[in-house]
Amino acid sequence: MIGPAGNVRVYLACGPTDMRKGIEGLIGQAEKVIRQVPSSGALFVFRGKRGDRLKILWWDGQGYCLFYKVLERGRFPWPAPNDGVARLTSAQLAMLVEGMDWRRPAWTSAPTRV
C-alpha cells in the first residue's frame, strides 16, 4: 500500500463524528471543524461516538483516500471533545491506529544498552 510520508501533518477532530459520513462529509468537517484545507496533503482523523471506529481522510495528489478501521475490542484513545483539534506526529498516529494510548507512551521494559 502506498501511504503518506513520515513527516505528514496529522489533525484529530476531538469531538465525535458521525461515521455515516463519506468523503464529501469529512471534507466539510475538515474545513469547518479543523479549519484546514483538506487537499493540503495532511491527514484528518475522525472518531465515532462509540469510540471503536476511526476514519482517516487524506489527499494523495490525485484524489481523496479514506481509511476506515473498526476495533473488535476496546476504544481508540481520544482527547476531550472541548479540546477542539489536536495535532499528532506520524509516530503518535501509528500508535493510535494500533489502539495504543498515544498520549502517554511508556516502555513496558527499559531498552537494554548494547
N, C-alpha and C. Protein backbone atom coordinates (compact mmCIF):
# COMPACT_ATOMS: atom_id res chain seq x y z
N MET A 1 0.83 -1.18 0.00
CA MET A 1 0.00 0.00 0.00
C MET A 1 0.88 1.24 0.00
N ILE A 2 0.52 2.22 -0.80
CA ILE A 2 1.24 3.48 -0.82
C ILE A 2 0.55 4.40 0.16
N GLY A 3 1.33 5.04 1.00
CA GLY A 3 0.74 5.90 2.03
C GLY A 3 1.46 7.22 2.12
N PRO A 4 1.05 8.05 3.07
CA PRO A 4 1.65 9.37 3.24
C PRO A 4 3.08 9.28 3.77
N ALA A 5 3.83 10.37 3.60
CA ALA A 5 5.22 10.44 4.07
C ALA A 5 5.26 10.46 5.59
N GLY A 6 6.41 10.15 6.14
CA GLY A 6 6.56 10.10 7.59
C GLY A 6 6.45 11.45 8.27
N ASN A 7 6.66 12.53 7.54
CA ASN A 7 6.60 13.86 8.16
C ASN A 7 5.28 14.56 7.88
N VAL A 8 4.25 13.80 7.59
CA VAL A 8 2.94 14.37 7.25
C VAL A 8 2.30 15.00 8.49
N ARG A 9 1.52 16.05 8.28
CA ARG A 9 0.77 16.68 9.36
C ARG A 9 -0.48 15.84 9.64
N VAL A 10 -0.80 15.67 10.92
CA VAL A 10 -1.95 14.85 11.31
C VAL A 10 -2.82 15.68 12.25
N TYR A 11 -4.10 15.81 11.90
CA TYR A 11 -5.05 16.57 12.71
C TYR A 11 -6.18 15.64 13.17
N LEU A 12 -6.53 15.74 14.47
CA LEU A 12 -7.64 14.99 15.03
C LEU A 12 -8.80 15.94 15.32
N ALA A 13 -9.99 15.57 14.89
CA ALA A 13 -11.20 16.28 15.29
C ALA A 13 -11.60 15.68 16.64
N CYS A 14 -11.45 16.44 17.70
CA CYS A 14 -11.60 15.89 19.04
C CYS A 14 -13.03 15.47 19.40
N GLY A 15 -14.02 16.11 18.84
CA GLY A 15 -15.39 15.73 19.12
C GLY A 15 -15.80 14.50 18.33
N PRO A 16 -16.90 13.86 18.69
CA PRO A 16 -17.35 12.69 17.93
C PRO A 16 -17.84 13.08 16.55
N THR A 17 -17.62 12.20 15.59
CA THR A 17 -18.03 12.42 14.20
C THR A 17 -19.02 11.34 13.81
N ASP A 18 -20.01 11.72 13.04
CA ASP A 18 -20.98 10.77 12.50
C ASP A 18 -20.25 9.86 11.51
N MET A 19 -20.11 8.59 11.82
CA MET A 19 -19.36 7.67 10.98
C MET A 19 -20.09 7.29 9.70
N ARG A 20 -21.31 7.78 9.53
CA ARG A 20 -22.01 7.56 8.26
C ARG A 20 -21.51 8.51 7.18
N LYS A 21 -20.75 9.53 7.58
CA LYS A 21 -20.23 10.50 6.61
C LYS A 21 -19.22 9.82 5.68
N GLY A 22 -19.31 10.19 4.42
CA GLY A 22 -18.35 9.72 3.44
C GLY A 22 -17.28 10.77 3.21
N ILE A 23 -16.63 10.68 2.07
CA ILE A 23 -15.54 11.60 1.77
C ILE A 23 -16.03 13.05 1.75
N GLU A 24 -17.12 13.32 1.07
CA GLU A 24 -17.61 14.70 0.97
C GLU A 24 -17.96 15.27 2.36
N GLY A 25 -18.61 14.48 3.19
CA GLY A 25 -18.95 14.94 4.53
C GLY A 25 -17.73 15.20 5.39
N LEU A 26 -16.70 14.35 5.25
CA LEU A 26 -15.48 14.55 6.03
C LEU A 26 -14.67 15.73 5.52
N ILE A 27 -14.74 16.00 4.22
CA ILE A 27 -14.10 17.21 3.68
C ILE A 27 -14.71 18.44 4.35
N GLY A 28 -16.03 18.44 4.48
CA GLY A 28 -16.71 19.54 5.16
C GLY A 28 -16.29 19.66 6.61
N GLN A 29 -16.12 18.53 7.30
CA GLN A 29 -15.67 18.54 8.69
C GLN A 29 -14.25 19.09 8.80
N ALA A 30 -13.39 18.71 7.87
CA ALA A 30 -12.01 19.20 7.88
C ALA A 30 -11.98 20.71 7.72
N GLU A 31 -12.84 21.23 6.86
CA GLU A 31 -12.89 22.68 6.63
C GLU A 31 -13.53 23.41 7.79
N LYS A 32 -14.65 22.88 8.30
CA LYS A 32 -15.44 23.58 9.31
C LYS A 32 -14.87 23.39 10.73
N VAL A 33 -14.58 22.16 11.11
CA VAL A 33 -14.16 21.87 12.48
C VAL A 33 -12.65 22.04 12.66
N ILE A 34 -11.88 21.46 11.75
CA ILE A 34 -10.42 21.50 11.90
C ILE A 34 -9.84 22.79 11.32
N ARG A 35 -10.58 23.43 10.42
CA ARG A 35 -10.19 24.70 9.80
C ARG A 35 -8.87 24.58 9.02
N GLN A 36 -8.79 23.54 8.21
CA GLN A 36 -7.63 23.32 7.35
C GLN A 36 -8.14 23.00 5.95
N VAL A 37 -7.27 23.14 4.97
CA VAL A 37 -7.60 22.82 3.59
C VAL A 37 -7.44 21.31 3.41
N PRO A 38 -8.52 20.58 3.10
CA PRO A 38 -8.44 19.13 3.00
C PRO A 38 -7.47 18.61 1.94
N SER A 39 -7.24 19.38 0.87
CA SER A 39 -6.33 18.94 -0.19
C SER A 39 -4.90 19.36 0.06
N SER A 40 -4.54 19.66 1.31
CA SER A 40 -3.19 20.10 1.65
C SER A 40 -2.20 18.96 1.77
N GLY A 41 -2.68 17.72 1.77
CA GLY A 41 -1.80 16.57 1.96
C GLY A 41 -1.72 16.10 3.40
N ALA A 42 -2.38 16.82 4.30
CA ALA A 42 -2.41 16.41 5.70
C ALA A 42 -3.40 15.27 5.88
N LEU A 43 -3.28 14.57 7.01
CA LEU A 43 -4.23 13.52 7.38
C LEU A 43 -5.23 14.10 8.37
N PHE A 44 -6.49 13.80 8.16
CA PHE A 44 -7.55 14.26 9.05
C PHE A 44 -8.20 13.02 9.66
N VAL A 45 -8.18 12.94 10.98
CA VAL A 45 -8.62 11.74 11.69
C VAL A 45 -9.90 12.05 12.46
N PHE A 46 -10.87 11.16 12.32
CA PHE A 46 -12.18 11.32 12.95
C PHE A 46 -12.53 10.03 13.69
N ARG A 47 -13.17 10.17 14.86
CA ARG A 47 -13.60 9.00 15.64
C ARG A 47 -15.09 9.06 15.86
N GLY A 48 -15.73 7.90 15.84
CA GLY A 48 -17.16 7.80 16.08
C GLY A 48 -17.51 7.97 17.54
N LYS A 49 -18.80 8.08 17.80
CA LYS A 49 -19.31 8.31 19.16
C LYS A 49 -18.97 7.17 20.11
N ARG A 50 -19.07 5.93 19.63
CA ARG A 50 -18.77 4.77 20.50
C ARG A 50 -17.28 4.63 20.77
N GLY A 51 -16.44 5.22 19.93
CA GLY A 51 -15.00 5.19 20.16
C GLY A 51 -14.28 4.02 19.54
N ASP A 52 -15.00 3.12 18.88
CA ASP A 52 -14.35 1.94 18.31
C ASP A 52 -14.12 2.05 16.81
N ARG A 53 -14.50 3.19 16.22
CA ARG A 53 -14.36 3.38 14.76
C ARG A 53 -13.56 4.64 14.48
N LEU A 54 -12.72 4.52 13.45
CA LEU A 54 -11.82 5.60 13.09
C LEU A 54 -11.83 5.76 11.58
N LYS A 55 -11.89 7.02 11.11
CA LYS A 55 -11.76 7.31 9.69
C LYS A 55 -10.64 8.31 9.50
N ILE A 56 -9.83 8.08 8.48
CA ILE A 56 -8.72 8.98 8.15
C ILE A 56 -8.91 9.43 6.71
N LEU A 57 -8.93 10.74 6.51
CA LEU A 57 -9.07 11.34 5.19
C LEU A 57 -7.73 11.90 4.76
N TRP A 58 -7.34 11.62 3.51
CA TRP A 58 -6.04 12.06 3.01
C TRP A 58 -6.12 12.34 1.52
N TRP A 59 -5.56 13.47 1.09
CA TRP A 59 -5.45 13.82 -0.33
C TRP A 59 -4.08 13.37 -0.79
N ASP A 60 -3.99 12.48 -1.78
CA ASP A 60 -2.70 11.95 -2.23
C ASP A 60 -2.13 12.66 -3.45
N GLY A 61 -2.78 13.73 -3.87
CA GLY A 61 -2.32 14.47 -5.03
C GLY A 61 -3.18 14.23 -6.26
N GLN A 62 -3.89 13.11 -6.27
CA GLN A 62 -4.78 12.79 -7.39
C GLN A 62 -6.23 12.69 -6.98
N GLY A 63 -6.45 12.41 -5.72
CA GLY A 63 -7.80 12.24 -5.21
C GLY A 63 -7.76 11.97 -3.72
N TYR A 64 -8.93 11.85 -3.13
CA TYR A 64 -9.02 11.59 -1.69
C TYR A 64 -9.00 10.10 -1.40
N CYS A 65 -8.29 9.75 -0.34
CA CYS A 65 -8.27 8.37 0.16
C CYS A 65 -8.98 8.39 1.51
N LEU A 66 -9.76 7.35 1.76
CA LEU A 66 -10.47 7.23 3.01
C LEU A 66 -10.12 5.89 3.64
N PHE A 67 -9.50 5.95 4.81
CA PHE A 67 -9.14 4.74 5.55
C PHE A 67 -10.12 4.59 6.70
N TYR A 68 -10.53 3.36 6.96
CA TYR A 68 -11.55 3.10 7.97
C TYR A 68 -11.10 1.90 8.81
N LYS A 69 -11.12 2.06 10.12
CA LYS A 69 -10.74 0.95 10.99
C LYS A 69 -11.76 0.81 12.10
N VAL A 70 -12.13 -0.44 12.39
CA VAL A 70 -13.05 -0.75 13.49
C VAL A 70 -12.32 -1.71 14.42
N LEU A 71 -12.23 -1.34 15.69
CA LEU A 71 -11.62 -2.23 16.68
C LEU A 71 -12.63 -3.28 17.11
N GLU A 72 -12.19 -4.51 17.21
CA GLU A 72 -13.08 -5.57 17.69
C GLU A 72 -13.30 -5.47 19.19
N ARG A 73 -12.27 -5.01 19.91
CA ARG A 73 -12.39 -4.81 21.35
C ARG A 73 -11.73 -3.49 21.71
N GLY A 74 -12.27 -2.82 22.69
CA GLY A 74 -11.67 -1.58 23.18
C GLY A 74 -12.11 -0.36 22.40
N ARG A 75 -11.46 0.75 22.73
CA ARG A 75 -11.76 2.03 22.11
C ARG A 75 -10.46 2.74 21.76
N PHE A 76 -10.55 3.61 20.77
CA PHE A 76 -9.39 4.42 20.43
C PHE A 76 -9.22 5.52 21.47
N PRO A 77 -8.00 5.70 22.02
CA PRO A 77 -7.79 6.80 22.98
C PRO A 77 -7.97 8.14 22.28
N TRP A 78 -8.65 9.07 22.93
CA TRP A 78 -9.02 10.31 22.25
C TRP A 78 -8.99 11.47 23.22
N PRO A 79 -8.62 12.66 22.76
CA PRO A 79 -8.67 13.84 23.64
C PRO A 79 -10.12 14.24 23.94
N ALA A 80 -10.28 15.08 24.93
CA ALA A 80 -11.62 15.56 25.31
C ALA A 80 -12.23 16.35 24.16
N PRO A 81 -13.56 16.25 23.97
CA PRO A 81 -14.22 16.96 22.87
C PRO A 81 -14.02 18.47 22.90
N ASN A 82 -13.89 19.05 24.11
CA ASN A 82 -13.74 20.50 24.19
C ASN A 82 -12.33 20.97 23.80
N ASP A 83 -11.41 20.04 23.52
CA ASP A 83 -10.07 20.42 23.05
C ASP A 83 -10.11 20.93 21.62
N GLY A 84 -11.16 20.62 20.88
CA GLY A 84 -11.31 21.12 19.51
C GLY A 84 -10.54 20.32 18.49
N VAL A 85 -9.26 20.64 18.34
CA VAL A 85 -8.41 19.96 17.36
C VAL A 85 -7.09 19.62 18.03
N ALA A 86 -6.58 18.44 17.75
CA ALA A 86 -5.27 18.04 18.26
C ALA A 86 -4.36 17.76 17.07
N ARG A 87 -3.08 17.99 17.24
CA ARG A 87 -2.10 17.71 16.19
C ARG A 87 -1.19 16.59 16.68
N LEU A 88 -0.99 15.58 15.85
CA LEU A 88 -0.18 14.42 16.21
C LEU A 88 1.02 14.30 15.28
N THR A 89 2.02 13.57 15.75
CA THR A 89 3.14 13.19 14.90
C THR A 89 2.76 11.90 14.18
N SER A 90 3.54 11.52 13.19
CA SER A 90 3.25 10.27 12.49
C SER A 90 3.44 9.07 13.42
N ALA A 91 4.36 9.16 14.38
CA ALA A 91 4.55 8.08 15.34
C ALA A 91 3.33 7.94 16.25
N GLN A 92 2.78 9.06 16.69
CA GLN A 92 1.57 9.02 17.52
C GLN A 92 0.39 8.46 16.73
N LEU A 93 0.30 8.81 15.45
CA LEU A 93 -0.76 8.26 14.60
C LEU A 93 -0.63 6.75 14.50
N ALA A 94 0.59 6.25 14.33
CA ALA A 94 0.80 4.81 14.24
C ALA A 94 0.32 4.12 15.52
N MET A 95 0.60 4.71 16.67
CA MET A 95 0.13 4.14 17.94
C MET A 95 -1.39 4.19 18.02
N LEU A 96 -1.97 5.31 17.60
CA LEU A 96 -3.43 5.46 17.64
C LEU A 96 -4.11 4.39 16.80
N VAL A 97 -3.64 4.18 15.58
CA VAL A 97 -4.25 3.20 14.68
C VAL A 97 -4.16 1.79 15.27
N GLU A 98 -3.11 1.52 16.03
CA GLU A 98 -2.96 0.22 16.69
C GLU A 98 -3.80 0.11 17.96
N GLY A 99 -4.46 1.19 18.35
CA GLY A 99 -5.29 1.17 19.55
C GLY A 99 -4.52 1.46 20.82
N MET A 100 -3.25 1.89 20.69
CA MET A 100 -2.42 2.19 21.86
C MET A 100 -2.67 3.63 22.31
N ASP A 101 -2.43 3.90 23.59
CA ASP A 101 -2.60 5.25 24.10
C ASP A 101 -1.41 6.10 23.69
N TRP A 102 -1.58 6.91 22.67
CA TRP A 102 -0.53 7.75 22.12
C TRP A 102 -0.23 8.95 23.01
N ARG A 103 -1.10 9.24 23.98
CA ARG A 103 -0.91 10.41 24.84
C ARG A 103 0.13 10.16 25.92
N ARG A 104 0.26 8.91 26.37
CA ARG A 104 1.20 8.58 27.44
C ARG A 104 1.98 7.32 27.07
N PRO A 105 2.80 7.38 26.03
CA PRO A 105 3.56 6.18 25.68
C PRO A 105 4.59 5.88 26.77
N ALA A 106 4.76 4.62 27.04
CA ALA A 106 5.72 4.20 28.06
C ALA A 106 6.33 2.87 27.64
N TRP A 107 7.57 2.68 27.99
CA TRP A 107 8.24 1.41 27.72
C TRP A 107 7.66 0.36 28.65
N THR A 108 7.40 -0.82 28.14
CA THR A 108 6.96 -1.90 29.02
C THR A 108 8.14 -2.41 29.81
N SER A 109 9.32 -2.33 29.25
CA SER A 109 10.55 -2.58 29.97
C SER A 109 11.61 -1.67 29.37
N ALA A 110 12.54 -1.24 30.17
CA ALA A 110 13.55 -0.31 29.70
C ALA A 110 14.40 -0.96 28.59
N PRO A 111 14.73 -0.20 27.55
CA PRO A 111 15.57 -0.76 26.49
C PRO A 111 16.97 -1.06 27.02
N THR A 112 17.54 -2.13 26.56
CA THR A 112 18.88 -2.50 27.01
C THR A 112 19.93 -1.77 26.18
N ARG A 113 21.03 -1.47 26.81
CA ARG A 113 22.13 -0.81 26.11
C ARG A 113 23.03 -1.88 25.51
N VAL A 114 23.54 -1.57 24.36
CA VAL A 114 24.44 -2.53 23.68
C VAL A 114 25.86 -2.09 23.85
